[in-house]
Amino acid sequence: MSRLAAAFGQGRPALVTFVTAGDGDTGAVLDALVAGGADVIELGMPFTDPMADGPAIQAANIRSLTAGTTTADILAIARGFRARHPAVPLVLMGYANPMLRRGARWFATAARDAGVDGVICVDVPPEEDDALGPALRDAGIDPIRLATPTTDAARLPQVLNGASGFLYYVSVAGITGLQQAAQASIVDAVARLKASTQLPIAVGFGVRTPDQAAAIAQVADGVVVGSAIVELVAAHGADAPQHVRAYVESLAAAIRAAQKEDA
């Protein structure tokens, strides 16, 4: 069983957390995420034009790039994480340019060798899967796809074709961090997606509070939190890991309590 399958196969929703590579002491923040109870880690690859991201993650990208973060640095962070946390899934999330500039095969092989389990490439649509998907699959890495409120019944099969690991449902038609979808729309969307795929459904964009996470955990297989964590890294600097751990602990506890209520 893959690490991602194990994370989503625990009999409760998974907590999926995001942090931007190279923004502060990423290794220490990653360790804090795991210590706080995160089940899956998304490691953001900084990029100059992060079209899907709101102000918090845009600023994290700028901080990281200003500090000189390279793809080699990101892979080194991934290797260090894998050595310290052999069982926790690690997903690289980012944009096509950094992933493809040396070729899809190079990137997939390097990611595999660094212990990466999955890749989310925001700006390669499923219709252009051949740009990256075959290389990832050949390397044993899950190409994780995004579905949105505007993914209709006609396009959903194309989104799901070749997807693996989990399906990331972007719950708002917008950028990260600025708004949260109404719970009723999330319930309806998850039900629609589950009717079309056996992949776990993780819901993200705009999730900030333990109450929001608990509500989503009632219907989804995973809850994704990113911008709120990135903001803690920005606000607390060298002290960020302790704040990140406490925050993630609150999210994890809420998700698990919500699941107990259903049991």
Protein backbone atom coordinates (compact mmCIF):
# COMPACT_ATOMS: atom_id res chain seq x y z
CA MET A 1 0.00 0.00 0.00
CA SER A 2 1.31 3.45 -0.89
CA ARG A 3 1.85 6.08 1.77
CA LEU A 4 -1.02 8.17 0.37
CA ALA A 5 -3.38 5.19 0.36
CA ALA A 6 -2.46 4.46 3.96
CA ALA A 7 -3.03 8.07 5.01
CA PHE A 8 -6.52 8.08 3.53
CA GLY A 9 -7.28 4.55 4.74
CA GLN A 10 -7.24 5.15 8.49
CA GLY A 11 -11.01 5.11 8.89
CA ARG A 12 -11.21 8.88 9.38
CA PRO A 13 -10.65 11.97 7.24
CA ALA A 14 -7.03 12.95 6.66
CA LEU A 15 -5.59 16.34 7.55
CA VAL A 16 -3.61 17.66 4.58
CA THR A 17 -1.37 20.64 5.27
CA PHE A 18 0.60 22.97 3.00
CA VAL A 19 3.77 25.02 3.46
CA THR A 20 5.96 26.84 0.94
CA ALA A 21 9.46 25.41 0.53
CA GLY A 22 12.21 27.83 1.44
CA ASP A 23 9.98 30.19 3.40
CA GLY A 24 11.70 30.23 6.78
CA ASP A 25 13.06 27.06 8.38
CA THR A 26 11.04 24.69 6.23
CA GLY A 27 12.45 21.53 7.79
CA ALA A 28 11.44 22.62 11.28
CA VAL A 29 7.99 23.67 10.08
CA LEU A 30 7.48 20.34 8.32
CA ASP A 31 8.42 18.53 11.53
CA ALA A 32 5.90 20.70 13.40
CA LEU A 33 3.16 19.76 10.92
CA VAL A 34 3.80 16.07 11.52
CA ALA A 35 4.05 16.52 15.29
CA GLY A 36 0.76 18.40 15.26
CA GLY A 37 -1.06 15.54 13.55
CA ALA A 38 -0.94 16.25 9.82
CA ASP A 39 -1.51 13.10 7.78
CA VAL A 40 -0.33 14.38 4.38
CA ILE A 41 2.13 17.20 3.64
CA GLU A 42 1.99 19.42 0.58
CA LEU A 43 5.29 21.17 -0.09
CA GLY A 44 4.83 24.20 -2.30
CA MET A 45 7.39 24.90 -5.01
CA PRO A 46 7.84 28.68 -5.13
CA PHE A 47 7.13 30.32 -8.47
CA THR A 48 7.08 33.89 -9.74
CA ASP A 49 3.51 33.75 -11.08
CA PRO A 50 1.41 31.55 -8.79
CA MET A 51 -1.92 32.11 -10.51
CA ALA A 52 -4.04 30.03 -8.13
CA ASP A 53 -2.67 31.52 -4.92
CA GLY A 54 -3.86 34.41 -2.81
CA PRO A 55 -1.81 37.08 -1.03
CA ALA A 56 -0.44 34.87 1.77
CA ILE A 57 1.07 32.21 -0.49
CA GLN A 58 2.11 34.80 -3.09
CA ALA A 59 4.10 36.56 -0.36
CA ALA A 60 5.61 33.24 0.76
CA ASN A 61 6.73 32.57 -2.81
CA ILE A 62 8.41 35.97 -2.97
CA ARG A 63 10.16 35.45 0.37
CA SER A 64 11.40 32.05 -0.70
CA LEU A 65 12.62 33.15 -4.12
CA THR A 66 14.26 36.24 -2.63
CA ALA A 67 16.15 33.92 -0.29
CA GLY A 68 17.45 32.09 -3.37
CA THR A 69 15.46 28.84 -3.14
CA THR A 70 16.08 26.53 -6.09
CA THR A 71 14.58 23.26 -7.27
CA ALA A 72 17.67 21.53 -5.89
CA ASP A 73 16.94 23.09 -2.49
CA ILE A 74 13.34 21.87 -2.61
CA LEU A 75 14.42 18.34 -3.43
CA ALA A 76 16.94 18.46 -0.59
CA ILE A 77 14.15 19.52 1.79
CA ALA A 78 12.08 16.59 0.51
CA ARG A 79 14.94 14.13 1.03
CA GLY A 80 15.49 15.36 4.56
CA PHE A 81 11.78 15.07 5.32
CA ARG A 82 11.66 11.52 3.98
CA ALA A 83 14.64 10.50 6.10
CA ARG A 84 12.99 11.87 9.25
CA HIS A 85 9.42 10.77 8.44
CA PRO A 86 9.52 7.57 6.40
CA ALA A 87 5.77 6.91 6.63
CA VAL A 88 4.24 10.38 6.04
CA PRO A 89 3.15 11.15 2.46
CA LEU A 90 4.80 14.13 0.78
CA VAL A 91 3.26 15.90 -2.21
CA LEU A 92 4.95 18.58 -4.29
CA MET A 93 2.52 21.31 -5.36
CA GLY A 94 3.35 23.97 -7.88
CA TYR A 95 3.42 25.11 -11.48
CA ALA A 96 4.62 23.70 -14.76
CA ASN A 97 7.64 25.91 -15.38
CA PRO A 98 9.82 24.68 -12.47
CA MET A 99 8.67 21.10 -13.02
CA LEU A 100 9.23 20.94 -16.77
CA ARG A 101 12.17 23.22 -17.50
CA ARG A 102 14.63 20.29 -17.32
CA GLY A 103 12.14 17.83 -18.74
CA ALA A 104 9.34 15.78 -17.24
CA ARG A 105 11.48 12.65 -16.94
CA TRP A 106 14.20 14.48 -15.05
CA PHE A 107 11.71 16.00 -12.64
CA ALA A 108 9.81 12.77 -12.03
CA THR A 109 13.00 10.82 -11.39
CA ALA A 110 14.40 13.49 -9.07
CA ALA A 111 11.12 13.69 -7.16
CA ARG A 112 10.97 9.91 -6.79
CA ASP A 113 14.53 9.76 -5.57
CA ALA A 114 13.73 12.47 -3.00
CA GLY A 115 10.86 10.38 -1.59
CA VAL A 116 7.95 12.32 -3.10
CA ASP A 117 4.62 10.48 -3.28
CA GLY A 118 2.47 12.77 -5.40
CA VAL A 119 2.55 15.91 -7.54
CA ILE A 120 -0.06 18.61 -8.03
CA CYS A 121 0.72 20.75 -11.08
CA VAL A 122 -1.80 23.57 -11.02
CA ASP A 123 -1.43 24.85 -14.58
CA VAL A 124 -1.14 21.66 -16.63
CA PRO A 125 -4.76 20.78 -17.50
CA PRO A 126 -5.77 17.13 -17.74
CA GLU A 127 -6.16 17.53 -21.51
CA GLU A 128 -2.36 18.04 -21.59
CA ASP A 129 -1.56 15.09 -19.35
CA ASP A 130 1.19 13.93 -21.70
CA ALA A 131 3.33 16.89 -20.61
CA LEU A 132 3.97 15.40 -17.17
CA GLY A 133 1.57 12.57 -16.29
CA PRO A 134 3.30 9.63 -18.02
CA ALA A 135 6.66 10.53 -16.48
CA LEU A 136 5.14 10.72 -13.00
CA ARG A 137 3.28 7.44 -13.36
CA ASP A 138 6.38 5.68 -14.69
CA ALA A 139 8.26 6.91 -11.62
CA GLY A 140 5.55 5.61 -9.28
CA ILE A 141 4.36 9.10 -8.34
CA ASP A 142 0.66 9.93 -8.15
CA PRO A 143 -0.52 12.75 -10.45
CA ILE A 144 -3.09 14.47 -8.23
CA ARG A 145 -5.78 16.39 -10.08
CA LEU A 146 -7.90 19.38 -9.13
CA ALA A 147 -11.67 19.66 -9.47
CA THR A 148 -13.52 22.93 -8.94
CA PRO A 149 -17.10 24.20 -8.65
CA THR A 150 -17.01 24.79 -12.41
CA THR A 151 -15.91 21.23 -13.28
CA ASP A 152 -19.10 20.00 -14.90
CA ALA A 153 -20.28 16.48 -15.68
CA ALA A 154 -18.93 16.67 -19.21
CA ARG A 155 -15.37 17.51 -18.14
CA LEU A 156 -15.11 15.50 -14.91
CA PRO A 157 -14.22 12.20 -16.67
CA GLN A 158 -11.22 13.92 -18.29
CA VAL A 159 -10.11 15.28 -14.90
CA LEU A 160 -10.33 11.81 -13.38
CA ASN A 161 -8.65 9.99 -16.28
CA GLY A 162 -5.12 9.23 -15.14
CA ALA A 163 -5.57 10.80 -11.70
CA SER A 164 -4.42 8.94 -8.61
CA GLY A 165 -3.58 9.45 -4.94
CA PHE A 166 -6.56 11.65 -4.16
CA LEU A 167 -8.76 14.23 -5.86
CA TYR A 168 -8.27 17.77 -4.58
CA TYR A 169 -11.59 19.63 -4.61
CA VAL A 170 -11.01 23.38 -4.82
CA SER A 171 -14.13 24.52 -3.01
CA VAL A 172 -14.22 28.08 -4.32
CA ALA A 173 -13.97 29.55 -7.81
CA GLY A 174 -11.06 31.77 -6.90
CA ILE A 175 -7.61 31.92 -5.32
CA THR A 176 -6.37 30.48 -2.05
CA GLY A 177 -7.01 31.96 1.34
CA LEU A 178 -9.58 34.68 0.70
CA GLN A 179 -12.97 33.03 0.99
CA GLN A 180 -14.65 29.82 2.09
CA ALA A 181 -17.40 27.95 0.31
CA ALA A 182 -20.76 27.42 1.96
CA GLN A 183 -20.97 24.05 3.65
CA ALA A 184 -24.05 23.07 1.62
CA SER A 185 -22.13 23.55 -1.63
CA ILE A 186 -19.28 21.39 -0.31
CA VAL A 187 -21.71 18.63 0.69
CA ASP A 188 -23.29 18.66 -2.77
CA ALA A 189 -19.95 18.75 -4.57
CA VAL A 190 -18.41 15.90 -2.60
CA ALA A 191 -21.48 13.74 -3.19
CA ARG A 192 -21.28 14.45 -6.93
CA LEU A 193 -17.58 13.62 -7.08
CA LYS A 194 -17.94 10.44 -5.04
CA ALA A 195 -20.52 9.21 -7.51
CA SER A 196 -17.84 9.32 -10.22
CA THR A 197 -14.64 8.12 -8.53
CA GLN A 198 -13.25 5.83 -5.87
CA LEU A 199 -10.41 8.26 -5.18
CA PRO A 200 -10.44 9.97 -1.78
CA ILE A 201 -11.82 13.52 -1.97
CA ALA A 202 -9.86 16.20 -0.10
CA VAL A 203 -11.42 19.65 0.18
CA GLY A 204 -9.39 22.84 0.41
CA PHE A 205 -9.20 26.59 -0.27
CA GLY A 206 -10.42 28.89 2.50
CA VAL A 207 -10.29 26.40 5.40
CA ARG A 208 -8.99 28.20 8.47
CA THR A 209 -10.72 27.26 11.70
CA PRO A 210 -11.13 23.95 13.54
CA ASP A 211 -14.90 24.31 13.19
CA GLN A 212 -14.62 24.65 9.42
CA ALA A 213 -12.31 21.65 9.27
CA ALA A 214 -14.69 19.58 11.39
CA ALA A 215 -17.65 20.45 9.19
CA ILE A 216 -15.82 19.39 6.04
CA ALA A 217 -14.62 16.23 7.76
CA GLN A 218 -18.25 15.16 8.12
CA VAL A 219 -18.48 14.62 4.35
CA ALA A 220 -14.99 14.55 2.78
CA ASP A 221 -12.09 12.13 2.99
CA GLY A 222 -9.60 14.91 3.67
CA VAL A 223 -9.35 18.54 4.72
CA VAL A 224 -6.65 20.77 3.19
CA VAL A 225 -5.27 23.79 5.07
CA GLY A 226 -2.60 26.01 3.59
CA SER A 227 -2.82 29.80 3.74
CA ALA A 228 -3.45 29.93 7.48
CA ILE A 229 -0.26 27.93 8.09
CA VAL A 230 1.76 30.06 5.70
CA GLU A 231 0.55 33.15 7.58
CA LEU A 232 1.86 31.70 10.85
CA VAL A 233 5.27 31.16 9.26
CA ALA A 234 5.29 34.78 8.13
CA ALA A 235 4.09 36.17 11.44
CA HIS A 236 6.37 34.24 13.81
CA GLY A 237 9.66 33.76 11.97
CA ALA A 238 12.06 31.57 13.92
CA ASP A 239 9.33 30.80 16.45
CA ALA A 240 6.90 29.61 13.78
CA PRO A 241 7.24 25.84 14.37
CA GLN A 242 5.71 25.94 17.86
CA HIS A 243 2.79 28.04 16.63
CA VAL A 244 2.29 25.83 13.60
CA ARG A 245 2.26 22.71 15.76
CA ALA A 246 -0.33 24.15 18.16
CA TYR A 247 -2.56 25.26 15.28
CA VAL A 248 -2.34 21.92 13.48
CA GLU A 249 -3.09 20.10 16.74
CA SER A 250 -6.33 22.10 17.00
CA LEU A 251 -7.32 21.16 13.45
CA ALA A 252 -6.46 17.49 13.91
CA ALA A 253 -8.41 17.30 17.16
CA ALA A 254 -11.47 18.89 15.56
CA ILE A 255 -11.39 16.51 12.60
CA ARG A 256 -11.09 13.46 14.82
CA ALA A 257 -13.81 14.65 17.17
CA ALA A 258 -16.13 15.24 14.25
CA GLN A 259 -15.51 11.73 13.04
CA LYS A 260 -16.28 10.33 16.51
CA GLU A 261 -19.64 12.07 16.48
CA ASP A 262 -20.51 10.16 13.31
CA ALA A 263 -19.35 6.81 14.70
